[in-house]
Amino acid sequence: MGLLEFIAKEPIGVRGKGNERIKLYNADMEKSYKEMHRVLKPNKYAVIVIGNAIYQGQEVKTVEFTIEFMTKIGFSLEKNILKLIFGLYNVMKKENILIFKKVK
């Protein structure tokens, strides 16, 4: 099963309960990031808009996880732009725009 078929069948972030949900989310995101690395040509850019979430009262360090994993697989973080989110119903108050460059 390819990545797109997997995502269509099992949406990211809605499988599992408790800590298992976070582990499954991270595993799915790792697959997505590896696929970005596979298809992107050297010295080209990947841009990810992501924010840390609150799950069961705890902050999930999604931004930090993404930076760490992306640099581990061969990207360099070129820019990290903090963007505040305005609106009454927003769960997240800020998000990060991460700009990575494929270096290897």
PDB file of N, CA and C in Angstrom:
ATOM      1  N   MET A   1       0.860  -1.178   0.000  1.00  0.00           N
ATOM      2  CA  MET A   1       0.000   0.000   0.000  1.00  0.00           C
ATOM      3  C   MET A   1       0.902   1.235   0.000  1.00  0.00           C
ATOM      4  N   GLY A   2       0.652   2.152  -0.919  1.00  0.00           N
ATOM      5  CA  GLY A   2       1.408   3.388  -0.993  1.00  0.00           C
ATOM      6  C   GLY A   2       0.989   4.365   0.091  1.00  0.00           C
ATOM      7  N   LEU A   3       1.770   5.425   0.250  1.00  0.00           N
ATOM      8  CA  LEU A   3       1.515   6.418   1.298  1.00  0.00           C
ATOM      9  C   LEU A   3       0.146   7.078   1.129  1.00  0.00           C
ATOM     10  N   LEU A   4      -0.210   7.445  -0.099  1.00  0.00           N
ATOM     11  CA  LEU A   4      -1.496   8.123  -0.303  1.00  0.00           C
ATOM     12  C   LEU A   4      -2.671   7.207   0.024  1.00  0.00           C
ATOM     13  N   GLU A   5      -2.557   5.934  -0.349  1.00  0.00           N
ATOM     14  CA  GLU A   5      -3.619   4.990  -0.017  1.00  0.00           C
ATOM     15  C   GLU A   5      -3.717   4.801   1.501  1.00  0.00           C
ATOM     16  N   PHE A   6      -2.553   4.756   2.153  1.00  0.00           N
ATOM     17  CA  PHE A   6      -2.525   4.611   3.608  1.00  0.00           C
ATOM     18  C   PHE A   6      -3.190   5.801   4.292  1.00  0.00           C
ATOM     19  N   ILE A   7      -2.843   7.010   3.848  1.00  0.00           N
ATOM     20  CA  ILE A   7      -3.411   8.221   4.457  1.00  0.00           C
ATOM     21  C   ILE A   7      -4.921   8.279   4.229  1.00  0.00           C
ATOM     22  N   ALA A   8      -5.368   7.900   3.037  1.00  0.00           N
ATOM     23  CA  ALA A   8      -6.804   7.916   2.755  1.00  0.00           C
ATOM     24  C   ALA A   8      -7.545   6.915   3.636  1.00  0.00           C
ATOM     25  N   LYS A   9      -6.916   5.781   3.905  1.00  0.00           N
ATOM     26  CA  LYS A   9      -7.546   4.744   4.710  1.00  0.00           C
ATOM     27  C   LYS A   9      -7.442   5.039   6.200  1.00  0.00           C
ATOM     28  N   GLU A  10      -6.297   5.530   6.630  1.00  0.00           N
ATOM     29  CA  GLU A  10      -6.017   5.772   8.046  1.00  0.00           C
ATOM     30  C   GLU A  10      -5.521   7.213   8.220  1.00  0.00           C
ATOM     31  N   PRO A  11      -6.410   8.181   8.402  1.00  0.00           N
ATOM     32  CA  PRO A  11      -5.977   9.574   8.545  1.00  0.00           C
ATOM     33  C   PRO A  11      -4.972   9.755   9.691  1.00  0.00           C
ATOM     34  N   ILE A  12      -4.017  10.632   9.480  1.00  0.00           N
ATOM     35  CA  ILE A  12      -2.978  10.903  10.475  1.00  0.00           C
ATOM     36  C   ILE A  12      -3.596  11.616  11.676  1.00  0.00           C
ATOM     37  N   GLY A  13      -3.259  11.117  12.864  1.00  0.00           N
ATOM     38  CA  GLY A  13      -3.650  11.795  14.088  1.00  0.00           C
ATOM     39  C   GLY A  13      -4.974  11.370  14.699  1.00  0.00           C
ATOM     40  N   VAL A  14      -5.655  10.414  14.100  1.00  0.00           N
ATOM     41  CA  VAL A  14      -6.944  10.013  14.662  1.00  0.00           C
ATOM     42  C   VAL A  14      -6.992   8.539  15.057  1.00  0.00           C
ATOM     43  N   ARG A  15      -5.869   7.853  14.960  1.00  0.00           N
ATOM     44  CA  ARG A  15      -5.832   6.437  15.331  1.00  0.00           C
ATOM     45  C   ARG A  15      -5.288   6.293  16.748  1.00  0.00           C
ATOM     46  N   GLY A  16      -5.744   5.284  17.447  1.00  0.00           N
ATOM     47  CA  GLY A  16      -5.209   4.975  18.761  1.00  0.00           C
ATOM     48  C   GLY A  16      -5.795   5.820  19.872  1.00  0.00           C
ATOM     49  N   LYS A  17      -5.388   5.483  21.084  1.00  0.00           N
ATOM     50  CA  LYS A  17      -5.839   6.196  22.292  1.00  0.00           C
ATOM     51  C   LYS A  17      -4.620   6.521  23.145  1.00  0.00           C
ATOM     52  N   GLY A  18      -4.699   7.614  23.877  1.00  0.00           N
ATOM     53  CA  GLY A  18      -3.642   7.977  24.822  1.00  0.00           C
ATOM     54  C   GLY A  18      -2.284   8.126  24.155  1.00  0.00           C
ATOM     55  N   ASN A  19      -1.237   7.624  24.823  1.00  0.00           N
ATOM     56  CA  ASN A  19       0.129   7.735  24.297  1.00  0.00           C
ATOM     57  C   ASN A  19       0.304   6.990  22.982  1.00  0.00           C
ATOM     58  N   GLU A  20      -0.494   5.937  22.773  1.00  0.00           N
ATOM     59  CA  GLU A  20      -0.416   5.200  21.509  1.00  0.00           C
ATOM     60  C   GLU A  20      -0.761   6.129  20.336  1.00  0.00           C
ATOM     61  N   ARG A  21      -1.713   7.026  20.536  1.00  0.00           N
ATOM     62  CA  ARG A  21      -2.107   7.958  19.476  1.00  0.00           C
ATOM     63  C   ARG A  21      -0.922   8.833  19.067  1.00  0.00           C
ATOM     64  N   ILE A  22      -0.158   9.309  20.038  1.00  0.00           N
ATOM     65  CA  ILE A  22       0.994  10.155  19.746  1.00  0.00           C
ATOM     66  C   ILE A  22       2.061   9.356  19.001  1.00  0.00           C
ATOM     67  N   LYS A  23       2.311   8.126  19.433  1.00  0.00           N
ATOM     68  CA  LYS A  23       3.297   7.269  18.757  1.00  0.00           C
ATOM     69  C   LYS A  23       2.883   6.988  17.318  1.00  0.00           C
ATOM     70  N   LEU A  24       1.613   6.695  17.099  1.00  0.00           N
ATOM     71  CA  LEU A  24       1.125   6.436  15.745  1.00  0.00           C
ATOM     72  C   LEU A  24       1.223   7.692  14.876  1.00  0.00           C
ATOM     73  N   TYR A  25       0.886   8.842  15.459  1.00  0.00           N
ATOM     74  CA  TYR A  25       0.996  10.108  14.728  1.00  0.00           C
ATOM     75  C   TYR A  25       2.449  10.340  14.309  1.00  0.00           C
ATOM     76  N   ASN A  26       3.376  10.185  15.247  1.00  0.00           N
ATOM     77  CA  ASN A  26       4.786  10.405  14.929  1.00  0.00           C
ATOM     78  C   ASN A  26       5.272   9.433  13.863  1.00  0.00           C
ATOM     79  N   ALA A  27       4.863   8.174  13.945  1.00  0.00           N
ATOM     80  CA  ALA A  27       5.262   7.178  12.939  1.00  0.00           C
ATOM     81  C   ALA A  27       4.723   7.556  11.560  1.00  0.00           C
ATOM     82  N   ASP A  28       3.478   8.020  11.508  1.00  0.00           N
ATOM     83  CA  ASP A  28       2.897   8.454  10.232  1.00  0.00           C
ATOM     84  C   ASP A  28       3.638   9.663   9.673  1.00  0.00           C
ATOM     85  N   MET A  29       3.973  10.606  10.547  1.00  0.00           N
ATOM     86  CA  MET A  29       4.690  11.796  10.089  1.00  0.00           C
ATOM     87  C   MET A  29       6.093  11.425   9.610  1.00  0.00           C
ATOM     88  N   GLU A  30       6.743  10.481  10.271  1.00  0.00           N
ATOM     89  CA  GLU A  30       8.057  10.021   9.815  1.00  0.00           C
ATOM     90  C   GLU A  30       7.962   9.466   8.394  1.00  0.00           C
ATOM     91  N   LYS A  31       6.921   8.686   8.115  1.00  0.00           N
ATOM     92  CA  LYS A  31       6.728   8.161   6.757  1.00  0.00           C
ATOM     93  C   LYS A  31       6.569   9.306   5.756  1.00  0.00           C
ATOM     94  N   SER A  32       5.795  10.313   6.132  1.00  0.00           N
ATOM     95  CA  SER A  32       5.577  11.458   5.250  1.00  0.00           C
ATOM     96  C   SER A  32       6.883  12.207   5.001  1.00  0.00           C
ATOM     97  N   TYR A  33       7.659  12.430   6.062  1.00  0.00           N
ATOM     98  CA  TYR A  33       8.919  13.157   5.926  1.00  0.00           C
ATOM     99  C   TYR A  33       9.927  12.378   5.094  1.00  0.00           C
ATOM    100  N   LYS A  34       9.968  11.051   5.266  1.00  0.00           N
ATOM    101  CA  LYS A  34      10.860  10.215   4.455  1.00  0.00           C
ATOM    102  C   LYS A  34      10.469  10.280   2.984  1.00  0.00           C
ATOM    103  N   GLU A  35       9.176  10.314   2.718  1.00  0.00           N
ATOM    104  CA  GLU A  35       8.716  10.409   1.333  1.00  0.00           C
ATOM    105  C   GLU A  35       9.089  11.771   0.739  1.00  0.00           C
ATOM    106  N   MET A  36       8.988  12.837   1.530  1.00  0.00           N
ATOM    107  CA  MET A  36       9.434  14.155   1.058  1.00  0.00           C
ATOM    108  C   MET A  36      10.905  14.090   0.664  1.00  0.00           C
ATOM    109  N   HIS A  37      11.698  13.463   1.515  1.00  0.00           N
ATOM    110  CA  HIS A  37      13.137  13.359   1.248  1.00  0.00           C
ATOM    111  C   HIS A  37      13.395  12.529  -0.013  1.00  0.00           C
ATOM    112  N   ARG A  38      12.639  11.478  -0.192  1.00  0.00           N
ATOM    113  CA  ARG A  38      12.832  10.608  -1.356  1.00  0.00           C
ATOM    114  C   ARG A  38      12.551  11.321  -2.672  1.00  0.00           C
ATOM    115  N   VAL A  39      11.486  12.110  -2.717  1.00  0.00           N
ATOM    116  CA  VAL A  39      11.069  12.717  -3.990  1.00  0.00           C
ATOM    117  C   VAL A  39      11.703  14.086  -4.261  1.00  0.00           C
ATOM    118  N   LEU A  40      12.218  14.727  -3.237  1.00  0.00           N
ATOM    119  CA  LEU A  40      12.771  16.065  -3.414  1.00  0.00           C
ATOM    120  C   LEU A  40      14.196  15.986  -3.949  1.00  0.00           C
ATOM    121  N   LYS A  41      14.515  16.828  -4.912  1.00  0.00           N
ATOM    122  CA  LYS A  41      15.870  16.866  -5.472  1.00  0.00           C
ATOM    123  C   LYS A  41      16.806  17.562  -4.490  1.00  0.00           C
ATOM    124  N   PRO A  42      18.113  17.241  -4.565  1.00  0.00           N
ATOM    125  CA  PRO A  42      19.084  17.899  -3.674  1.00  0.00           C
ATOM    126  C   PRO A  42      19.044  19.420  -3.827  1.00  0.00           C
ATOM    127  N   ASN A  43      19.268  20.115  -2.726  1.00  0.00           N
ATOM    128  CA  ASN A  43      19.301  21.576  -2.656  1.00  0.00           C
ATOM    129  C   ASN A  43      17.946  22.239  -2.914  1.00  0.00           C
ATOM    130  N   LYS A  44      16.866  21.473  -2.857  1.00  0.00           N
ATOM    131  CA  LYS A  44      15.513  22.030  -2.983  1.00  0.00           C
ATOM    132  C   LYS A  44      14.869  22.066  -1.603  1.00  0.00           C
ATOM    133  N   TYR A  45      13.726  22.720  -1.509  1.00  0.00           N
ATOM    134  CA  TYR A  45      13.141  23.041  -0.215  1.00  0.00           C
ATOM    135  C   TYR A  45      11.826  22.307   0.052  1.00  0.00           C
ATOM    136  N   ALA A  46      11.618  22.032   1.317  1.00  0.00           N
ATOM    137  CA  ALA A  46      10.344  21.504   1.819  1.00  0.00           C
ATOM    138  C   ALA A  46       9.854  22.481   2.885  1.00  0.00           C
ATOM    139  N   VAL A  47       8.597  22.846   2.825  1.00  0.00           N
ATOM    140  CA  VAL A  47       8.017  23.768   3.799  1.00  0.00           C
ATOM    141  C   VAL A  47       6.904  23.037   4.540  1.00  0.00           C
ATOM    142  N   ILE A  48       6.979  23.093   5.862  1.00  0.00           N
ATOM    143  CA  ILE A  48       6.001  22.418   6.713  1.00  0.00           C
ATOM    144  C   ILE A  48       5.413  23.444   7.669  1.00  0.00           C
ATOM    145  N   VAL A  49       4.099  23.526   7.712  1.00  0.00           N
ATOM    146  CA  VAL A  49       3.404  24.389   8.669  1.00  0.00           C
ATOM    147  C   VAL A  49       2.844  23.472   9.742  1.00  0.00           C
ATOM    148  N   ILE A  50       3.305  23.658  10.976  1.00  0.00           N
ATOM    149  CA  ILE A  50       2.948  22.738  12.052  1.00  0.00           C
ATOM    150  C   ILE A  50       2.992  23.478  13.383  1.00  0.00           C
ATOM    151  N   GLY A  51       2.238  22.997  14.328  1.00  0.00           N
ATOM    152  CA  GLY A  51       2.250  23.603  15.662  1.00  0.00           C
ATOM    153  C   GLY A  51       2.239  22.534  16.737  1.00  0.00           C
ATOM    154  N   ASN A  52       2.723  22.893  17.899  1.00  0.00           N
ATOM    155  CA  ASN A  52       2.629  21.990  19.043  1.00  0.00           C
ATOM    156  C   ASN A  52       1.173  21.919  19.481  1.00  0.00           C
ATOM    157  N   ALA A  53       0.717  20.730  19.762  1.00  0.00           N
ATOM    158  CA  ALA A  53      -0.678  20.528  20.144  1.00  0.00           C
ATOM    159  C   ALA A  53      -0.766  20.233  21.632  1.00  0.00           C
ATOM    160  N   ILE A  54      -1.952  20.397  22.175  1.00  0.00           N
ATOM    161  CA  ILE A  54      -2.245  19.979  23.545  1.00  0.00           C
ATOM    162  C   ILE A  54      -3.116  18.738  23.439  1.00  0.00           C
ATOM    163  N   TYR A  55      -2.643  17.637  24.027  1.00  0.00           N
ATOM    164  CA  TYR A  55      -3.399  16.389  24.002  1.00  0.00           C
ATOM    165  C   TYR A  55      -3.481  15.855  25.419  1.00  0.00           C
ATOM    166  N   GLN A  56      -4.686  15.666  25.896  1.00  0.00           N
ATOM    167  CA  GLN A  56      -4.955  15.212  27.258  1.00  0.00           C
ATOM    168  C   GLN A  56      -4.229  16.098  28.279  1.00  0.00           C
ATOM    169  N   GLY A  57      -4.265  17.397  28.032  1.00  0.00           N
ATOM    170  CA  GLY A  57      -3.694  18.372  28.953  1.00  0.00           C
ATOM    171  C   GLY A  57      -2.182  18.531  28.873  1.00  0.00           C
ATOM    172  N   GLN A  58      -1.520  17.793  27.994  1.00  0.00           N
ATOM    173  CA  GLN A  58      -0.064  17.866  27.865  1.00  0.00           C
ATOM    174  C   GLN A  58       0.306  18.424  26.493  1.00  0.00           C
ATOM    175  N   GLU A  59       1.338  19.260  26.472  1.00  0.00           N
ATOM    176  CA  GLU A  59       1.824  19.777  25.200  1.00  0.00           C
ATOM    177  C   GLU A  59       2.612  18.687  24.480  1.00  0.00           C
ATOM    178  N   VAL A  60       2.271  18.471  23.224  1.00  0.00           N
ATOM    179  CA  VAL A  60       2.988  17.521  22.370  1.00  0.00           C
ATOM    180  C   VAL A  60       3.953  18.332  21.523  1.00  0.00           C
ATOM    181  N   LYS A  61       5.228  18.075  21.674  1.00  0.00           N
ATOM    182  CA  LYS A  61       6.289  18.876  21.033  1.00  0.00           C
ATOM    183  C   LYS A  61       6.466  18.469  19.568  1.00  0.00           C
ATOM    184  N   THR A  62       5.443  18.700  18.780  1.00  0.00           N
ATOM    185  CA  THR A  62       5.449  18.321  17.376  1.00  0.00           C
ATOM    186  C   THR A  62       6.498  19.088  16.576  1.00  0.00           C
ATOM    187  N   VAL A  63       6.656  20.360  16.860  1.00  0.00           N
ATOM    188  CA  VAL A  63       7.632  21.183  16.133  1.00  0.00           C
ATOM    189  C   VAL A  63       9.040  20.657  16.381  1.00  0.00           C
ATOM    190  N   GLU A  64       9.368  20.412  17.628  1.00  0.00           N
ATOM    191  CA  GLU A  64      10.697  19.926  17.971  1.00  0.00           C
ATOM    192  C   GLU A  64      10.953  18.550  17.370  1.00  0.00           C
ATOM    193  N   PHE A  65       9.945  17.677  17.422  1.00  0.00           N
ATOM    194  CA  PHE A  65      10.049  16.351  16.820  1.00  0.00           C
ATOM    195  C   PHE A  65      10.339  16.468  15.324  1.00  0.00           C
ATOM    196  N   THR A  66       9.617  17.354  14.648  1.00  0.00           N
ATOM    197  CA  THR A  66       9.779  17.522  13.204  1.00  0.00           C
ATOM    198  C   THR A  66      11.178  18.008  12.862  1.00  0.00           C
ATOM    199  N   ILE A  67      11.664  19.019  13.571  1.00  0.00           N
ATOM    200  CA  ILE A  67      13.006  19.541  13.303  1.00  0.00           C
ATOM    201  C   ILE A  67      14.054  18.459  13.514  1.00  0.00           C
ATOM    202  N   GLU A  68      13.947  17.736  14.615  1.00  0.00           N
ATOM    203  CA  GLU A  68      14.920  16.691  14.932  1.00  0.00           C
ATOM    204  C   GLU A  68      14.910  15.589  13.869  1.00  0.00           C
ATOM    205  N   PHE A  69      13.727  15.126  13.505  1.00  0.00           N
ATOM    206  CA  PHE A  69      13.653  14.027  12.540  1.00  0.00           C
ATOM    207  C   PHE A  69      14.103  14.476  11.154  1.00  0.00           C
ATOM    208  N   MET A  70      13.669  15.636  10.714  1.00  0.00           N
ATOM    209  CA  MET A  70      14.030  16.111   9.374  1.00  0.00           C
ATOM    210  C   MET A  70      15.545  16.300   9.250  1.00  0.00           C
ATOM    211  N   THR A  71      16.200  16.819  10.270  1.00  0.00           N
ATOM    212  CA  THR A  71      17.652  16.988  10.200  1.00  0.00           C
ATOM    213  C   THR A  71      18.349  15.621  10.231  1.00  0.00           C
ATOM    214  N   LYS A  72      17.765  14.679  10.933  1.00  0.00           N
ATOM    215  CA  LYS A  72      18.337  13.325  11.014  1.00  0.00           C
ATOM    216  C   LYS A  72      18.338  12.632   9.645  1.00  0.00           C
ATOM    217  N   ILE A  73      17.304  12.865   8.830  1.00  0.00           N
ATOM    218  CA  ILE A  73      17.208  12.156   7.548  1.00  0.00           C
ATOM    219  C   ILE A  73      17.838  12.905   6.384  1.00  0.00           C
ATOM    220  N   GLY A  74      18.407  14.077   6.614  1.00  0.00           N
ATOM    221  CA  GLY A  74      19.139  14.731   5.535  1.00  0.00           C
ATOM    222  C   GLY A  74      18.655  16.101   5.106  1.00  0.00           C
ATOM    223  N   PHE A  75      17.892  16.767   5.942  1.00  0.00           N
ATOM    224  CA  PHE A  75      17.479  18.146   5.670  1.00  0.00           C
ATOM    225  C   PHE A  75      18.203  19.076   6.632  1.00  0.00           C
ATOM    226  N   SER A  76      18.395  20.312   6.208  1.00  0.00           N
ATOM    227  CA  SER A  76      18.866  21.332   7.147  1.00  0.00           C
ATOM    228  C   SER A  76      17.730  22.330   7.342  1.00  0.00           C
ATOM    229  N   LEU A  77      17.573  22.786   8.570  1.00  0.00           N
ATOM    230  CA  LEU A  77      16.549  23.784   8.863  1.00  0.00           C
ATOM    231  C   LEU A  77      17.087  25.141   8.431  1.00  0.00           C
ATOM    232  N   GLU A  78      16.472  25.736   7.433  1.00  0.00           N
ATOM    233  CA  GLU A  78      16.908  27.023   6.913  1.00  0.00           C
ATOM    234  C   GLU A  78      16.244  28.186   7.643  1.00  0.00           C
ATOM    235  N   LYS A  79      14.981  27.992   8.029  1.00  0.00           N
ATOM    236  CA  LYS A  79      14.253  29.064   8.694  1.00  0.00           C
ATOM    237  C   LYS A  79      13.101  28.481   9.494  1.00  0.00           C
ATOM    238  N   ASN A  80      12.863  29.076  10.656  1.00  0.00           N
ATOM    239  CA  ASN A  80      11.748  28.702  11.522  1.00  0.00           C
ATOM    240  C   ASN A  80      10.989  29.990  11.820  1.00  0.00           C
ATOM    241  N   ILE A  81       9.829  30.143  11.218  1.00  0.00           N
ATOM    242  CA  ILE A  81       9.036  31.367  11.360  1.00  0.00           C
ATOM    243  C   ILE A  81       7.865  31.085  12.294  1.00  0.00           C
ATOM    244  N   LEU A  82       7.792  31.828  13.373  1.00  0.00           N
ATOM    245  CA  LEU A  82       6.680  31.703  14.313  1.00  0.00           C
ATOM    246  C   LEU A  82       5.521  32.561  13.820  1.00  0.00           C
ATOM    247  N   LYS A  83       4.343  31.957  13.746  1.00  0.00           N
ATOM    248  CA  LYS A  83       3.150  32.675  13.290  1.00  0.00           C
ATOM    249  C   LYS A  83       2.072  32.542  14.355  1.00  0.00           C
ATOM    250  N   LEU A  84       1.577  33.658  14.826  1.00  0.00           N
ATOM    251  CA  LEU A  84       0.478  33.656  15.782  1.00  0.00           C
ATOM    252  C   LEU A  84      -0.833  33.416  15.045  1.00  0.00           C
ATOM    253  N   ILE A  85      -1.714  32.661  15.668  1.00  0.00           N
ATOM    254  CA  ILE A  85      -3.014  32.346  15.076  1.00  0.00           C
ATOM    255  C   ILE A  85      -4.076  33.120  15.847  1.00  0.00           C
ATOM    256  N   PHE A  86      -4.861  33.884  15.126  1.00  0.00           N
ATOM    257  CA  PHE A  86      -5.914  34.673  15.746  1.00  0.00           C
ATOM    258  C   PHE A  86      -7.267  34.042  15.466  1.00  0.00           C
ATOM    259  N   GLY A  87      -8.176  34.186  16.373  1.00  0.00           N
ATOM    260  CA  GLY A  87      -9.526  33.666  16.181  1.00  0.00           C
ATOM    261  C   GLY A  87     -10.047  33.065  17.460  1.00  0.00           C
ATOM    262  N   LEU A  88     -11.313  33.168  17.641  1.00  0.00           N
ATOM    263  CA  LEU A  88     -11.964  32.733  18.863  1.00  0.00           C
ATOM    264  C   LEU A  88     -11.919  31.222  19.059  1.00  0.00           C
ATOM    265  N   TYR A  89     -12.026  30.452  17.981  1.00  0.00           N
ATOM    266  CA  TYR A  89     -12.178  29.009  18.110  1.00  0.00           C
ATOM    267  C   TYR A  89     -10.895  28.219  17.852  1.00  0.00           C
ATOM    268  N   ASN A  90      -9.774  28.891  17.703  1.00  0.00           N
ATOM    269  CA  ASN A  90      -8.535  28.178  17.435  1.00  0.00           C
ATOM    270  C   ASN A  90      -8.051  27.422  18.668  1.00  0.00           C
ATOM    271  N   VAL A  91      -7.714  26.156  18.480  1.00  0.00           N
ATOM    272  CA  VAL A  91      -7.169  25.340  19.558  1.00  0.00           C
ATOM    273  C   VAL A  91      -5.708  25.716  19.790  1.00  0.00           C
ATOM    274  N   MET A  92      -4.989  25.950  18.695  1.00  0.00           N
ATOM    275  CA  MET A  92      -3.589  26.357  18.797  1.00  0.00           C
ATOM    276  C   MET A  92      -3.512  27.874  18.694  1.00  0.00           C
ATOM    277  N   LYS A  93      -2.629  28.445  19.465  1.00  0.00           N
ATOM    278  CA  LYS A  93      -2.455  29.901  19.453  1.00  0.00           C
ATOM    279  C   LYS A  93      -1.301  30.331  18.564  1.00  0.00           C
ATOM    280  N   LYS A  94      -0.434  29.368  18.207  1.00  0.00           N
ATOM    281  CA  LYS A  94       0.683  29.687  17.316  1.00  0.00           C
ATOM    282  C   LYS A  94       1.062  28.443  16.533  1.00  0.00           C
ATOM    283  N   GLU A  95       1.707  28.679  15.415  1.00  0.00           N
ATOM    284  CA  GLU A  95       2.226  27.601  14.600  1.00  0.00           C
ATOM    285  C   GLU A  95       3.577  28.036  14.051  1.00  0.00           C
ATOM    286  N   ASN A  96       4.314  27.076  13.549  1.00  0.00           N
ATOM    287  CA  ASN A  96       5.629  27.370  13.002  1.00  0.00           C
ATOM    288  C   ASN A  96       5.630  27.021  11.522  1.00  0.00           C
ATOM    289  N   ILE A  97       6.274  27.875  10.746  1.00  0.00           N
ATOM    290  CA  ILE A  97       6.514  27.601   9.335  1.00  0.00           C
ATOM    291  C   ILE A  97       7.980  27.201   9.255  1.00  0.00           C
ATOM    292  N   LEU A  98       8.218  25.923   8.987  1.00  0.00           N
ATOM    293  CA  LEU A  98       9.570  25.383   8.964  1.00  0.00           C
ATOM    294  C   LEU A  98      10.012  25.222   7.518  1.00  0.00           C
ATOM    295  N   ILE A  99      11.142  25.827   7.190  1.00  0.00           N
ATOM    296  CA  ILE A  99      11.683  25.731   5.831  1.00  0.00           C
ATOM    297  C   ILE A  99      12.961  24.901   5.901  1.00  0.00           C
ATOM    298  N   PHE A 100      12.915  23.746   5.236  1.00  0.00           N
ATOM    299  CA  PHE A 100      14.041  22.832   5.211  1.00  0.00           C
ATOM    300  C   PHE A 100      14.641  22.769   3.820  1.00  0.00           C
ATOM    301  N   LYS A 101      15.939  22.506   3.759  1.00  0.00           N
ATOM    302  CA  LYS A 101      16.624  22.299   2.501  1.00  0.00           C
ATOM    303  C   LYS A 101      17.196  20.885   2.505  1.00  0.00           C
ATOM    304  N   LYS A 102      16.996  20.158   1.406  1.00  0.00           N
ATOM    305  CA  LYS A 102      17.551  18.805   1.296  1.00  0.00           C
ATOM    306  C   LYS A 102      19.037  18.924   1.026  1.00  0.00           C
ATOM    307  N   VAL A 103      19.846  18.408   1.940  1.00  0.00           N
ATOM    308  CA  VAL A 103      21.299  18.548   1.794  1.00  0.00           C
ATOM    309  C   VAL A 103      21.984  17.238   1.442  1.00  0.00           C
ATOM    310  N   LYS A 104      21.358  16.100   1.722  1.00  0.00           N
ATOM    311  CA  LYS A 104      21.958  14.819   1.332  1.00  0.00           C
ATOM    312  C   LYS A 104      20.899  13.803   0.992  1.00  0.00           C
TER     313      LYS A 104
END
